[in-house]
């Protein structure tokens, strides 16, 4: 019996002013494949949830997704904030057209 693959699910807030770019990203990361993402949903300012699809490719990111601890390092803190989420939260967002969650960039720890 083959063991079921374990993915890591990450929610990344992106703090920027460009209206065309997403502000929250939901990743399904494969730790066994150098941390490339297998699925991704982008959330925009108007709360649209757009899954990224790359037909014919096993991964949807061009580079590995860093661990949450690396994303949250002090030098990145003004631009990015990441947290581990559950598979259920990822699936709910991946299957939605509109994101109902909070899109505000988290306040930095003081």
PDB file of N, CA and C in Angstrom:
ATOM      1  N   UNK A   1       0.837  -1.196   0.000  1.00  0.00           N
ATOM      2  CA  UNK A   1       0.000   0.000   0.000  1.00  0.00           C
ATOM      3  C   UNK A   1       0.877   1.253   0.000  1.00  0.00           C
ATOM      4  N   UNK A   2       0.625   2.128  -0.956  1.00  0.00           N
ATOM      5  CA  UNK A   2       1.414   3.352  -1.080  1.00  0.00           C
ATOM      6  C   UNK A   2       0.938   4.385  -0.065  1.00  0.00           C
ATOM      7  N   UNK A   3       1.899   5.045   0.596  1.00  0.00           N
ATOM      8  CA  UNK A   3       1.553   6.052   1.586  1.00  0.00           C
ATOM      9  C   UNK A   3       1.051   7.317   0.889  1.00  0.00           C
ATOM     10  N   UNK A   4       0.021   7.908   1.465  1.00  0.00           N
ATOM     11  CA  UNK A   4      -0.576   9.119   0.901  1.00  0.00           C
ATOM     12  C   UNK A   4       0.392  10.300   1.015  1.00  0.00           C
ATOM     13  N   UNK A   5       0.502  11.070  -0.044  1.00  0.00           N
ATOM     14  CA  UNK A   5       1.409  12.213  -0.083  1.00  0.00           C
ATOM     15  C   UNK A   5       0.920  13.314   0.860  1.00  0.00           C
ATOM     16  N   UNK A   6       1.840  13.894   1.599  1.00  0.00           N
ATOM     17  CA  UNK A   6       1.519  14.985   2.523  1.00  0.00           C
ATOM     18  C   UNK A   6       1.970  16.314   1.918  1.00  0.00           C
ATOM     19  N   UNK A   7       1.034  17.211   1.741  1.00  0.00           N
ATOM     20  CA  UNK A   7       1.341  18.540   1.238  1.00  0.00           C
ATOM     21  C   UNK A   7       1.365  19.530   2.398  1.00  0.00           C
ATOM     22  N   UNK A   8       1.966  20.685   2.153  1.00  0.00           N
ATOM     23  CA  UNK A   8       1.940  21.794   3.104  1.00  0.00           C
ATOM     24  C   UNK A   8       1.080  22.875   2.471  1.00  0.00           C
ATOM     25  N   UNK A   9       0.228  23.482   3.276  1.00  0.00           N
ATOM     26  CA  UNK A   9      -0.668  24.528   2.766  1.00  0.00           C
ATOM     27  C   UNK A   9      -0.287  25.852   3.413  1.00  0.00           C
ATOM     28  N   UNK A  10      -0.046  26.850   2.569  1.00  0.00           N
ATOM     29  CA  UNK A  10       0.468  28.138   3.032  1.00  0.00           C
ATOM     30  C   UNK A  10      -0.385  29.275   2.470  1.00  0.00           C
ATOM     31  N   UNK A  11      -0.695  30.215   3.341  1.00  0.00           N
ATOM     32  CA  UNK A  11      -1.385  31.454   2.962  1.00  0.00           C
ATOM     33  C   UNK A  11      -0.364  32.577   3.085  1.00  0.00           C
ATOM     34  N   UNK A  12      -0.159  33.332   1.984  1.00  0.00           N
ATOM     35  CA  UNK A  12       0.829  34.419   1.974  1.00  0.00           C
ATOM     36  C   UNK A  12       0.121  35.732   1.649  1.00  0.00           C
ATOM     37  N   UNK A  13       0.276  36.691   2.542  1.00  0.00           N
ATOM     38  CA  UNK A  13      -0.205  38.053   2.299  1.00  0.00           C
ATOM     39  C   UNK A  13       0.920  38.817   1.608  1.00  0.00           C
ATOM     40  N   UNK A  14       0.572  39.595   0.588  1.00  0.00           N
ATOM     41  CA  UNK A  14       1.553  40.372  -0.161  1.00  0.00           C
ATOM     42  C   UNK A  14       1.146  41.840  -0.073  1.00  0.00           C
ATOM     43  N   UNK A  15       1.975  42.651   0.544  1.00  0.00           N
ATOM     44  CA  UNK A  15       1.695  44.062   0.783  1.00  0.00           C
ATOM     45  C   UNK A  15       2.303  44.900  -0.338  1.00  0.00           C
ATOM     46  N   UNK A  16       1.448  45.420  -1.224  1.00  0.00           N
ATOM     47  CA  UNK A  16       1.918  46.250  -2.343  1.00  0.00           C
ATOM     48  C   UNK A  16       0.759  47.134  -2.809  1.00  0.00           C
ATOM     49  N   UNK A  17       1.037  48.028  -3.744  1.00  0.00           N
ATOM     50  CA  UNK A  17       0.013  48.962  -4.212  1.00  0.00           C
ATOM     51  C   UNK A  17      -0.444  48.718  -5.643  1.00  0.00           C
ATOM     52  N   UNK A  18       0.148  47.772  -6.332  1.00  0.00           N
ATOM     53  CA  UNK A  18      -0.233  47.482  -7.717  1.00  0.00           C
ATOM     54  C   UNK A  18      -1.630  46.870  -7.754  1.00  0.00           C
ATOM     55  N   UNK A  19      -2.551  47.514  -8.443  1.00  0.00           N
ATOM     56  CA  UNK A  19      -3.941  47.069  -8.487  1.00  0.00           C
ATOM     57  C   UNK A  19      -4.145  45.772  -9.267  1.00  0.00           C
ATOM     58  N   UNK A  20      -3.246  45.444 -10.170  1.00  0.00           N
ATOM     59  CA  UNK A  20      -3.414  44.264 -11.018  1.00  0.00           C
ATOM     60  C   UNK A  20      -2.892  42.970 -10.395  1.00  0.00           C
ATOM     61  N   UNK A  21      -2.085  43.065  -9.345  1.00  0.00           N
ATOM     62  CA  UNK A  21      -1.485  41.880  -8.740  1.00  0.00           C
ATOM     63  C   UNK A  21      -2.304  41.386  -7.556  1.00  0.00           C
ATOM     64  N   UNK A  22      -2.257  40.079  -7.296  1.00  0.00           N
ATOM     65  CA  UNK A  22      -2.977  39.537  -6.139  1.00  0.00           C
ATOM     66  C   UNK A  22      -2.373  40.036  -4.831  1.00  0.00           C
ATOM     67  N   UNK A  23      -3.175  40.007  -3.760  1.00  0.00           N
ATOM     68  CA  UNK A  23      -2.674  40.441  -2.455  1.00  0.00           C
ATOM     69  C   UNK A  23      -2.628  39.302  -1.431  1.00  0.00           C
ATOM     70  N   UNK A  24      -3.281  38.188  -1.738  1.00  0.00           N
ATOM     71  CA  UNK A  24      -3.185  36.991  -0.903  1.00  0.00           C
ATOM     72  C   UNK A  24      -3.006  35.798  -1.847  1.00  0.00           C
ATOM     73  N   UNK A  25      -2.093  34.908  -1.474  1.00  0.00           N
ATOM     74  CA  UNK A  25      -1.801  33.722  -2.278  1.00  0.00           C
ATOM     75  C   UNK A  25      -1.971  32.478  -1.405  1.00  0.00           C
ATOM     76  N   UNK A  26      -2.642  31.483  -1.933  1.00  0.00           N
ATOM     77  CA  UNK A  26      -2.818  30.208  -1.240  1.00  0.00           C
ATOM     78  C   UNK A  26      -2.067  29.137  -2.024  1.00  0.00           C
ATOM     79  N   UNK A  27      -1.075  28.503  -1.378  1.00  0.00           N
ATOM     80  CA  UNK A  27      -0.236  27.509  -2.031  1.00  0.00           C
ATOM     81  C   UNK A  27      -0.477  26.113  -1.464  1.00  0.00           C
ATOM     82  N   UNK A  28      -0.461  25.120  -2.342  1.00  0.00           N
ATOM     83  CA  UNK A  28      -0.325  23.724  -1.948  1.00  0.00           C
ATOM     84  C   UNK A  28       1.104  23.352  -2.342  1.00  0.00           C
ATOM     85  N   UNK A  29       1.951  23.088  -1.359  1.00  0.00           N
ATOM     86  CA  UNK A  29       3.380  22.868  -1.574  1.00  0.00           C
ATOM     87  C   UNK A  29       3.705  21.387  -1.389  1.00  0.00           C
ATOM     88  N   UNK A  30       4.516  20.865  -2.289  1.00  0.00           N
ATOM     89  CA  UNK A  30       4.966  19.477  -2.205  1.00  0.00           C
ATOM     90  C   UNK A  30       6.374  19.454  -1.608  1.00  0.00           C
ATOM     91  N   UNK A  31       6.503  19.157  -0.304  1.00  0.00           N
ATOM     92  CA  UNK A  31       7.828  19.144   0.325  1.00  0.00           C
ATOM     93  C   UNK A  31       8.754  18.080  -0.253  1.00  0.00           C
ATOM     94  N   UNK A  32       8.193  17.037  -0.845  1.00  0.00           N
ATOM     95  CA  UNK A  32       9.007  15.967  -1.414  1.00  0.00           C
ATOM     96  C   UNK A  32       9.551  16.317  -2.793  1.00  0.00           C
ATOM     97  N   UNK A  33       9.073  17.403  -3.385  1.00  0.00           N
ATOM     98  CA  UNK A  33       9.528  17.836  -4.714  1.00  0.00           C
ATOM     99  C   UNK A  33      10.131  19.241  -4.636  1.00  0.00           C
ATOM    100  N   UNK A  34      11.075  19.403  -3.720  1.00  0.00           N
ATOM    101  CA  UNK A  34      11.842  20.650  -3.581  1.00  0.00           C
ATOM    102  C   UNK A  34      10.982  21.858  -3.261  1.00  0.00           C
ATOM    103  N   UNK A  35       9.769  21.631  -2.713  1.00  0.00           N
ATOM    104  CA  UNK A  35       8.861  22.697  -2.261  1.00  0.00           C
ATOM    105  C   UNK A  35       8.225  23.467  -3.422  1.00  0.00           C
ATOM    106  N   UNK A  36       8.078  22.847  -4.570  1.00  0.00           N
ATOM    107  CA  UNK A  36       7.325  23.471  -5.653  1.00  0.00           C
ATOM    108  C   UNK A  36       5.839  23.371  -5.333  1.00  0.00           C
ATOM    109  N   UNK A  37       5.061  24.342  -5.791  1.00  0.00           N
ATOM    110  CA  UNK A  37       3.616  24.332  -5.556  1.00  0.00           C
ATOM    111  C   UNK A  37       2.922  23.529  -6.649  1.00  0.00           C
ATOM    112  N   UNK A  38       1.981  22.709  -6.227  1.00  0.00           N
ATOM    113  CA  UNK A  38       1.199  21.920  -7.169  1.00  0.00           C
ATOM    114  C   UNK A  38      -0.118  22.612  -7.509  1.00  0.00           C
ATOM    115  N   UNK A  39      -0.604  23.442  -6.582  1.00  0.00           N
ATOM    116  CA  UNK A  39      -1.805  24.250  -6.840  1.00  0.00           C
ATOM    117  C   UNK A  39      -1.643  25.607  -6.168  1.00  0.00           C
ATOM    118  N   UNK A  40      -2.336  26.602  -6.713  1.00  0.00           N
ATOM    119  CA  UNK A  40      -2.238  27.979  -6.227  1.00  0.00           C
ATOM    120  C   UNK A  40      -3.543  28.697  -6.533  1.00  0.00           C
ATOM    121  N   UNK A  41      -3.995  29.506  -5.575  1.00  0.00           N
ATOM    122  CA  UNK A  41      -5.122  30.407  -5.816  1.00  0.00           C
ATOM    123  C   UNK A  41      -4.670  31.821  -5.477  1.00  0.00           C
ATOM    124  N   UNK A  42      -4.955  32.760  -6.367  1.00  0.00           N
ATOM    125  CA  UNK A  42      -4.628  34.167  -6.149  1.00  0.00           C
ATOM    126  C   UNK A  42      -5.902  34.914  -5.748  1.00  0.00           C
ATOM    127  N   UNK A  43      -5.782  35.763  -4.715  1.00  0.00           N
ATOM    128  CA  UNK A  43      -6.896  36.587  -4.245  1.00  0.00           C
ATOM    129  C   UNK A  43      -6.562  38.044  -4.562  1.00  0.00           C
ATOM    130  N   UNK A  44      -7.500  38.723  -5.210  1.00  0.00           N
ATOM    131  CA  UNK A  44      -7.303  40.114  -5.605  1.00  0.00           C
ATOM    132  C   UNK A  44      -8.054  41.057  -4.678  1.00  0.00           C
ATOM    133  N   UNK A  45      -7.781  42.355  -4.806  1.00  0.00           N
ATOM    134  CA  UNK A  45      -8.384  43.360  -3.925  1.00  0.00           C
ATOM    135  C   UNK A  45      -9.916  43.339  -3.942  1.00  0.00           C
ATOM    136  N   UNK A  46     -10.494  42.967  -5.069  1.00  0.00           N
ATOM    137  CA  UNK A  46     -11.957  42.900  -5.159  1.00  0.00           C
ATOM    138  C   UNK A  46     -12.493  41.551  -4.672  1.00  0.00           C
ATOM    139  N   UNK A  47     -11.615  40.726  -4.054  1.00  0.00           N
ATOM    140  CA  UNK A  47     -11.932  39.432  -3.447  1.00  0.00           C
ATOM    141  C   UNK A  47     -12.112  38.291  -4.456  1.00  0.00           C
ATOM    142  N   UNK A  48     -11.831  38.566  -5.742  1.00  0.00           N
ATOM    143  CA  UNK A  48     -11.866  37.458  -6.709  1.00  0.00           C
ATOM    144  C   UNK A  48     -10.835  36.413  -6.317  1.00  0.00           C
ATOM    145  N   UNK A  49     -11.228  35.152  -6.391  1.00  0.00           N
ATOM    146  CA  UNK A  49     -10.336  34.032  -6.126  1.00  0.00           C
ATOM    147  C   UNK A  49     -10.099  33.316  -7.453  1.00  0.00           C
ATOM    148  N   UNK A  50      -8.871  33.384  -7.940  1.00  0.00           N
ATOM    149  CA  UNK A  50      -8.543  32.827  -9.250  1.00  0.00           C
ATOM    150  C   UNK A  50      -7.525  31.690  -9.083  1.00  0.00           C
ATOM    151  N   UNK A  51      -7.927  30.439  -9.330  1.00  0.00           N
ATOM    152  CA  UNK A  51      -6.932  29.366  -9.296  1.00  0.00           C
ATOM    153  C   UNK A  51      -6.004  29.466 -10.499  1.00  0.00           C
ATOM    154  N   UNK A  52      -4.732  29.234 -10.263  1.00  0.00           N
ATOM    155  CA  UNK A  52      -3.743  29.249 -11.338  1.00  0.00           C
ATOM    156  C   UNK A  52      -3.649  27.827 -11.890  1.00  0.00           C
ATOM    157  N   UNK A  53      -3.793  27.699 -13.198  1.00  0.00           N
ATOM    158  CA  UNK A  53      -3.778  26.392 -13.849  1.00  0.00           C
ATOM    159  C   UNK A  53      -2.685  26.390 -14.918  1.00  0.00           C
ATOM    160  N   UNK A  54      -1.848  25.373 -14.879  1.00  0.00           N
ATOM    161  CA  UNK A  54      -0.789  25.191 -15.874  1.00  0.00           C
ATOM    162  C   UNK A  54      -0.962  23.797 -16.474  1.00  0.00           C
ATOM    163  N   UNK A  55      -1.828  23.635 -17.475  1.00  0.00           N
ATOM    164  CA  UNK A  55      -2.065  22.298 -18.045  1.00  0.00           C
ATOM    165  C   UNK A  55      -0.777  21.649 -18.547  1.00  0.00           C
ATOM    166  N   UNK A  56      -0.629  20.381 -18.227  1.00  0.00           N
ATOM    167  CA  UNK A  56       0.537  19.638 -18.695  1.00  0.00           C
ATOM    168  C   UNK A  56       1.756  19.753 -17.807  1.00  0.00           C
ATOM    169  N   UNK A  57       1.678  20.532 -16.734  1.00  0.00           N
ATOM    170  CA  UNK A  57       2.811  20.697 -15.829  1.00  0.00           C
ATOM    171  C   UNK A  57       2.447  20.160 -14.448  1.00  0.00           C
ATOM    172  N   UNK A  58       3.407  19.536 -13.782  1.00  0.00           N
ATOM    173  CA  UNK A  58       3.176  19.000 -12.440  1.00  0.00           C
ATOM    174  C   UNK A  58       3.174  20.105 -11.392  1.00  0.00           C
ATOM    175  N   UNK A  59       3.874  21.222 -11.685  1.00  0.00           N
ATOM    176  CA  UNK A  59       3.992  22.315 -10.724  1.00  0.00           C
ATOM    177  C   UNK A  59       3.554  23.619 -11.368  1.00  0.00           C
ATOM    178  N   UNK A  60       3.057  24.533 -10.531  1.00  0.00           N
ATOM    179  CA  UNK A  60       2.582  25.810 -11.074  1.00  0.00           C
ATOM    180  C   UNK A  60       3.486  26.975 -10.686  1.00  0.00           C
ATOM    181  N   UNK A  61       4.555  26.721  -9.956  1.00  0.00           N
ATOM    182  CA  UNK A  61       5.511  27.777  -9.633  1.00  0.00           C
ATOM    183  C   UNK A  61       6.827  27.509 -10.358  1.00  0.00           C
ATOM    184  N   UNK A  62       7.505  28.582 -10.722  1.00  0.00           N
ATOM    185  CA  UNK A  62       8.784  28.459 -11.419  1.00  0.00           C
ATOM    186  C   UNK A  62       9.939  28.207 -10.451  1.00  0.00           C
ATOM    187  N   UNK A  63       9.696  28.485  -9.171  1.00  0.00           N
ATOM    188  CA  UNK A  63      10.721  28.300  -8.147  1.00  0.00           C
ATOM    189  C   UNK A  63      10.064  27.672  -6.918  1.00  0.00           C
ATOM    190  N   UNK A  64      10.862  27.049  -6.061  1.00  0.00           N
ATOM    191  CA  UNK A  64      10.296  26.488  -4.832  1.00  0.00           C
ATOM    192  C   UNK A  64       9.670  27.579  -3.953  1.00  0.00           C
ATOM    193  N   UNK A  65       8.649  27.197  -3.197  1.00  0.00           N
ATOM    194  CA  UNK A  65       8.008  28.111  -2.247  1.00  0.00           C
ATOM    195  C   UNK A  65       8.792  28.014  -0.939  1.00  0.00           C
ATOM    196  N   UNK A  66       9.313  29.131  -0.437  1.00  0.00           N
ATOM    197  CA  UNK A  66      10.096  29.080   0.802  1.00  0.00           C
ATOM    198  C   UNK A  66       9.230  28.660   1.989  1.00  0.00           C
ATOM    199  N   UNK A  67       9.847  28.107   3.022  1.00  0.00           N
ATOM    200  CA  UNK A  67       9.103  27.806   4.251  1.00  0.00           C
ATOM    201  C   UNK A  67       8.565  29.092   4.883  1.00  0.00           C
ATOM    202  N   UNK A  68       7.511  28.954   5.675  1.00  0.00           N
ATOM    203  CA  UNK A  68       6.871  30.099   6.331  1.00  0.00           C
ATOM    204  C   UNK A  68       7.896  30.911   7.127  1.00  0.00           C
ATOM    205  N   UNK A  69       8.781  30.237   7.836  1.00  0.00           N
ATOM    206  CA  UNK A  69       9.780  30.942   8.659  1.00  0.00           C
ATOM    207  C   UNK A  69      10.677  31.836   7.804  1.00  0.00           C
ATOM    208  N   UNK A  70      11.007  31.392   6.609  1.00  0.00           N
ATOM    209  CA  UNK A  70      11.841  32.186   5.714  1.00  0.00           C
ATOM    210  C   UNK A  70      11.064  33.384   5.154  1.00  0.00           C
ATOM    211  N   UNK A  71       9.819  33.152   4.764  1.00  0.00           N
ATOM    212  CA  UNK A  71       8.982  34.244   4.249  1.00  0.00           C
ATOM    213  C   UNK A  71       8.818  35.323   5.315  1.00  0.00           C
ATOM    214  N   UNK A  72       8.686  34.918   6.575  1.00  0.00           N
ATOM    215  CA  UNK A  72       8.426  35.857   7.667  1.00  0.00           C
ATOM    216  C   UNK A  72       9.674  36.468   8.290  1.00  0.00           C
ATOM    217  N   UNK A  73      10.828  36.274   7.686  1.00  0.00           N
ATOM    218  CA  UNK A  73      12.043  36.887   8.226  1.00  0.00           C
ATOM    219  C   UNK A  73      11.893  38.406   8.236  1.00  0.00           C
ATOM    220  N   UNK A  74      12.570  39.019   9.172  1.00  0.00           N
ATOM    221  CA  UNK A  74      12.439  40.464   9.400  1.00  0.00           C
ATOM    222  C   UNK A  74      12.623  41.294   8.124  1.00  0.00           C
ATOM    223  N   UNK A  75      13.586  40.926   7.265  1.00  0.00           N
ATOM    224  CA  UNK A  75      13.840  41.720   6.059  1.00  0.00           C
ATOM    225  C   UNK A  75      12.692  41.633   5.051  1.00  0.00           C
ATOM    226  N   UNK A  76      11.815  40.650   5.183  1.00  0.00           N
ATOM    227  CA  UNK A  76      10.667  40.504   4.281  1.00  0.00           C
ATOM    228  C   UNK A  76       9.373  41.028   4.889  1.00  0.00           C
ATOM    229  N   UNK A  77       9.379  41.329   6.177  1.00  0.00           N
ATOM    230  CA  UNK A  77       8.150  41.558   6.937  1.00  0.00           C
ATOM    231  C   UNK A  77       7.287  42.709   6.434  1.00  0.00           C
ATOM    232  N   UNK A  78       7.855  43.709   5.826  1.00  0.00           N
ATOM    233  CA  UNK A  78       7.048  44.822   5.307  1.00  0.00           C
ATOM    234  C   UNK A  78       6.288  44.438   4.042  1.00  0.00           C
ATOM    235  N   UNK A  79       6.752  43.413   3.351  1.00  0.00           N
ATOM    236  CA  UNK A  79       6.163  43.035   2.069  1.00  0.00           C
ATOM    237  C   UNK A  79       5.354  41.739   2.107  1.00  0.00           C
ATOM    238  N   UNK A  80       5.750  40.797   2.958  1.00  0.00           N
ATOM    239  CA  UNK A  80       5.106  39.477   2.974  1.00  0.00           C
ATOM    240  C   UNK A  80       4.853  39.005   4.396  1.00  0.00           C
ATOM    241  N   UNK A  81       3.784  38.256   4.542  1.00  0.00           N
ATOM    242  CA  UNK A  81       3.515  37.547   5.796  1.00  0.00           C
ATOM    243  C   UNK A  81       2.860  36.224   5.437  1.00  0.00           C
ATOM    244  N   UNK A  82       3.365  35.134   6.009  1.00  0.00           N
ATOM    245  CA  UNK A  82       2.849  33.805   5.671  1.00  0.00           C
ATOM    246  C   UNK A  82       2.426  33.055   6.925  1.00  0.00           C
ATOM    247  N   UNK A  83       1.484  32.127   6.711  1.00  0.00           N
ATOM    248  CA  UNK A  83       1.057  31.259   7.797  1.00  0.00           C
ATOM    249  C   UNK A  83       0.640  29.910   7.226  1.00  0.00           C
ATOM    250  N   UNK A  84       0.820  28.874   8.024  1.00  0.00           N
ATOM    251  CA  UNK A  84       0.372  27.536   7.656  1.00  0.00           C
ATOM    252  C   UNK A  84      -1.145  27.495   7.836  1.00  0.00           C
ATOM    253  N   UNK A  85      -1.820  26.880   6.882  1.00  0.00           N
ATOM    254  CA  UNK A  85      -3.271  26.714   6.970  1.00  0.00           C
ATOM    255  C   UNK A  85      -3.605  25.231   6.793  1.00  0.00           C
ATOM    256  N   UNK A  86      -4.856  24.897   7.013  1.00  0.00           N
ATOM    257  CA  UNK A  86      -5.296  23.512   6.859  1.00  0.00           C
ATOM    258  C   UNK A  86      -5.610  23.209   5.398  1.00  0.00           C
ATOM    259  N   UNK A  87      -5.612  21.924   5.081  1.00  0.00           N
ATOM    260  CA  UNK A  87      -6.016  21.489   3.747  1.00  0.00           C
ATOM    261  C   UNK A  87      -7.453  21.923   3.474  1.00  0.00           C
ATOM    262  N   UNK A  88      -8.306  21.856   4.482  1.00  0.00           N
ATOM    263  CA  UNK A  88      -9.713  22.232   4.322  1.00  0.00           C
ATOM    264  C   UNK A  88      -9.854  23.712   3.945  1.00  0.00           C
ATOM    265  N   UNK A  89      -9.078  24.569   4.589  1.00  0.00           N
ATOM    266  CA  UNK A  89      -9.125  26.000   4.239  1.00  0.00           C
ATOM    267  C   UNK A  89      -8.646  26.200   2.803  1.00  0.00           C
ATOM    268  N   UNK A  90      -7.552  25.527   2.428  1.00  0.00           N
ATOM    269  CA  UNK A  90      -7.054  25.651   1.060  1.00  0.00           C
ATOM    270  C   UNK A  90      -8.117  25.204   0.063  1.00  0.00           C
ATOM    271  N   UNK A  91      -8.716  24.048   0.288  1.00  0.00           N
ATOM    272  CA  UNK A  91      -9.720  23.504  -0.640  1.00  0.00           C
ATOM    273  C   UNK A  91     -10.924  24.428  -0.772  1.00  0.00           C
ATOM    274  N   UNK A  92     -11.351  25.034   0.333  1.00  0.00           N
ATOM    275  CA  UNK A  92     -12.493  25.948   0.291  1.00  0.00           C
ATOM    276  C   UNK A  92     -12.188  27.154  -0.592  1.00  0.00           C
ATOM    277  N   UNK A  93     -10.982  27.683  -0.480  1.00  0.00           N
ATOM    278  CA  UNK A  93     -10.588  28.841  -1.294  1.00  0.00           C
ATOM    279  C   UNK A  93     -10.397  28.418  -2.749  1.00  0.00           C
ATOM    280  N   UNK A  94      -9.752  27.280  -2.956  1.00  0.00           N
ATOM    281  CA  UNK A  94      -9.471  26.797  -4.312  1.00  0.00           C
ATOM    282  C   UNK A  94     -10.770  26.563  -5.090  1.00  0.00           C
ATOM    283  N   UNK A  95     -11.817  26.194  -4.394  1.00  0.00           N
ATOM    284  CA  UNK A  95     -13.089  25.929  -5.048  1.00  0.00           C
ATOM    285  C   UNK A  95     -14.042  27.108  -5.072  1.00  0.00           C
ATOM    286  N   UNK A  96     -13.591  28.293  -4.670  1.00  0.00           N
ATOM    287  CA  UNK A  96     -14.451  29.477  -4.599  1.00  0.00           C
ATOM    288  C   UNK A  96     -14.135  30.475  -5.703  1.00  0.00           C
ATOM    289  N   UNK A  97     -15.112  31.273  -6.040  1.00  0.00           N
ATOM    290  CA  UNK A  97     -14.906  32.371  -6.985  1.00  0.00           C
ATOM    291  C   UNK A  97     -14.657  33.680  -6.249  1.00  0.00           C
ATOM    292  N   UNK A  98     -15.198  33.783  -5.032  1.00  0.00           N
ATOM    293  CA  UNK A  98     -15.049  34.987  -4.196  1.00  0.00           C
ATOM    294  C   UNK A  98     -14.495  34.571  -2.845  1.00  0.00           C
ATOM    295  N   UNK A  99     -13.454  35.268  -2.390  1.00  0.00           N
ATOM    296  CA  UNK A  99     -12.848  34.971  -1.094  1.00  0.00           C
ATOM    297  C   UNK A  99     -13.570  35.747  -0.012  1.00  0.00           C
ATOM    298  N   UNK A 100     -13.995  35.045   1.020  1.00  0.00           N
ATOM    299  CA  UNK A 100     -14.747  35.661   2.116  1.00  0.00           C
ATOM    300  C   UNK A 100     -13.872  36.050   3.302  1.00  0.00           C
ATOM    301  N   UNK A 101     -12.617  35.632   3.315  1.00  0.00           N
ATOM    302  CA  UNK A 101     -11.733  35.877   4.454  1.00  0.00           C
ATOM    303  C   UNK A 101     -11.147  37.281   4.462  1.00  0.00           C
ATOM    304  N   UNK A 102     -10.311  37.516   5.442  1.00  0.00           N
ATOM    305  CA  UNK A 102      -9.662  38.813   5.635  1.00  0.00           C
ATOM    306  C   UNK A 102      -8.561  38.999   4.594  1.00  0.00           C
ATOM    307  N   UNK A 103      -8.539  40.144   3.938  1.00  0.00           N
ATOM    308  CA  UNK A 103      -7.498  40.428   2.946  1.00  0.00           C
ATOM    309  C   UNK A 103      -6.527  41.516   3.420  1.00  0.00           C
ATOM    310  N   UNK A 104      -6.728  42.012   4.632  1.00  0.00           N
ATOM    311  CA  UNK A 104      -5.840  43.053   5.155  1.00  0.00           C
ATOM    312  C   UNK A 104      -4.488  42.461   5.540  1.00  0.00           C
ATOM    313  N   UNK A 105      -3.430  43.164   5.188  1.00  0.00           N
ATOM    314  CA  UNK A 105      -2.077  42.725   5.555  1.00  0.00           C
ATOM    315  C   UNK A 105      -1.968  42.755   7.067  1.00  0.00           C
ATOM    316  N   UNK A 106      -1.518  41.656   7.694  1.00  0.00           N
ATOM    317  CA  UNK A 106      -1.423  41.617   9.172  1.00  0.00           C
ATOM    318  C   UNK A 106      -0.460  42.671   9.710  1.00  0.00           C
ATOM    319  N   UNK A 107      -0.840  43.257  10.845  1.00  0.00           N
ATOM    320  CA  UNK A 107       0.017  44.241  11.507  1.00  0.00           C
ATOM    321  C   UNK A 107       1.275  43.543  11.997  1.00  0.00           C
ATOM    322  N   UNK A 108       2.436  44.176  11.831  1.00  0.00           N
ATOM    323  CA  UNK A 108       3.680  43.548  12.309  1.00  0.00           C
ATOM    324  C   UNK A 108       3.688  43.435  13.828  1.00  0.00           C
ATOM    325  N   UNK A 109       4.382  42.393  14.305  1.00  0.00           N
ATOM    326  CA  UNK A 109       4.546  42.241  15.742  1.00  0.00           C
ATOM    327  C   UNK A 109       5.423  43.368  16.246  1.00  0.00           C
ATOM    328  N   UNK A 110       5.055  43.891  17.394  1.00  0.00           N
ATOM    329  CA  UNK A 110       5.816  45.019  17.964  1.00  0.00           C
ATOM    330  C   UNK A 110       6.874  44.511  18.889  1.00  0.00           C
TER     331      UNK A 110
END
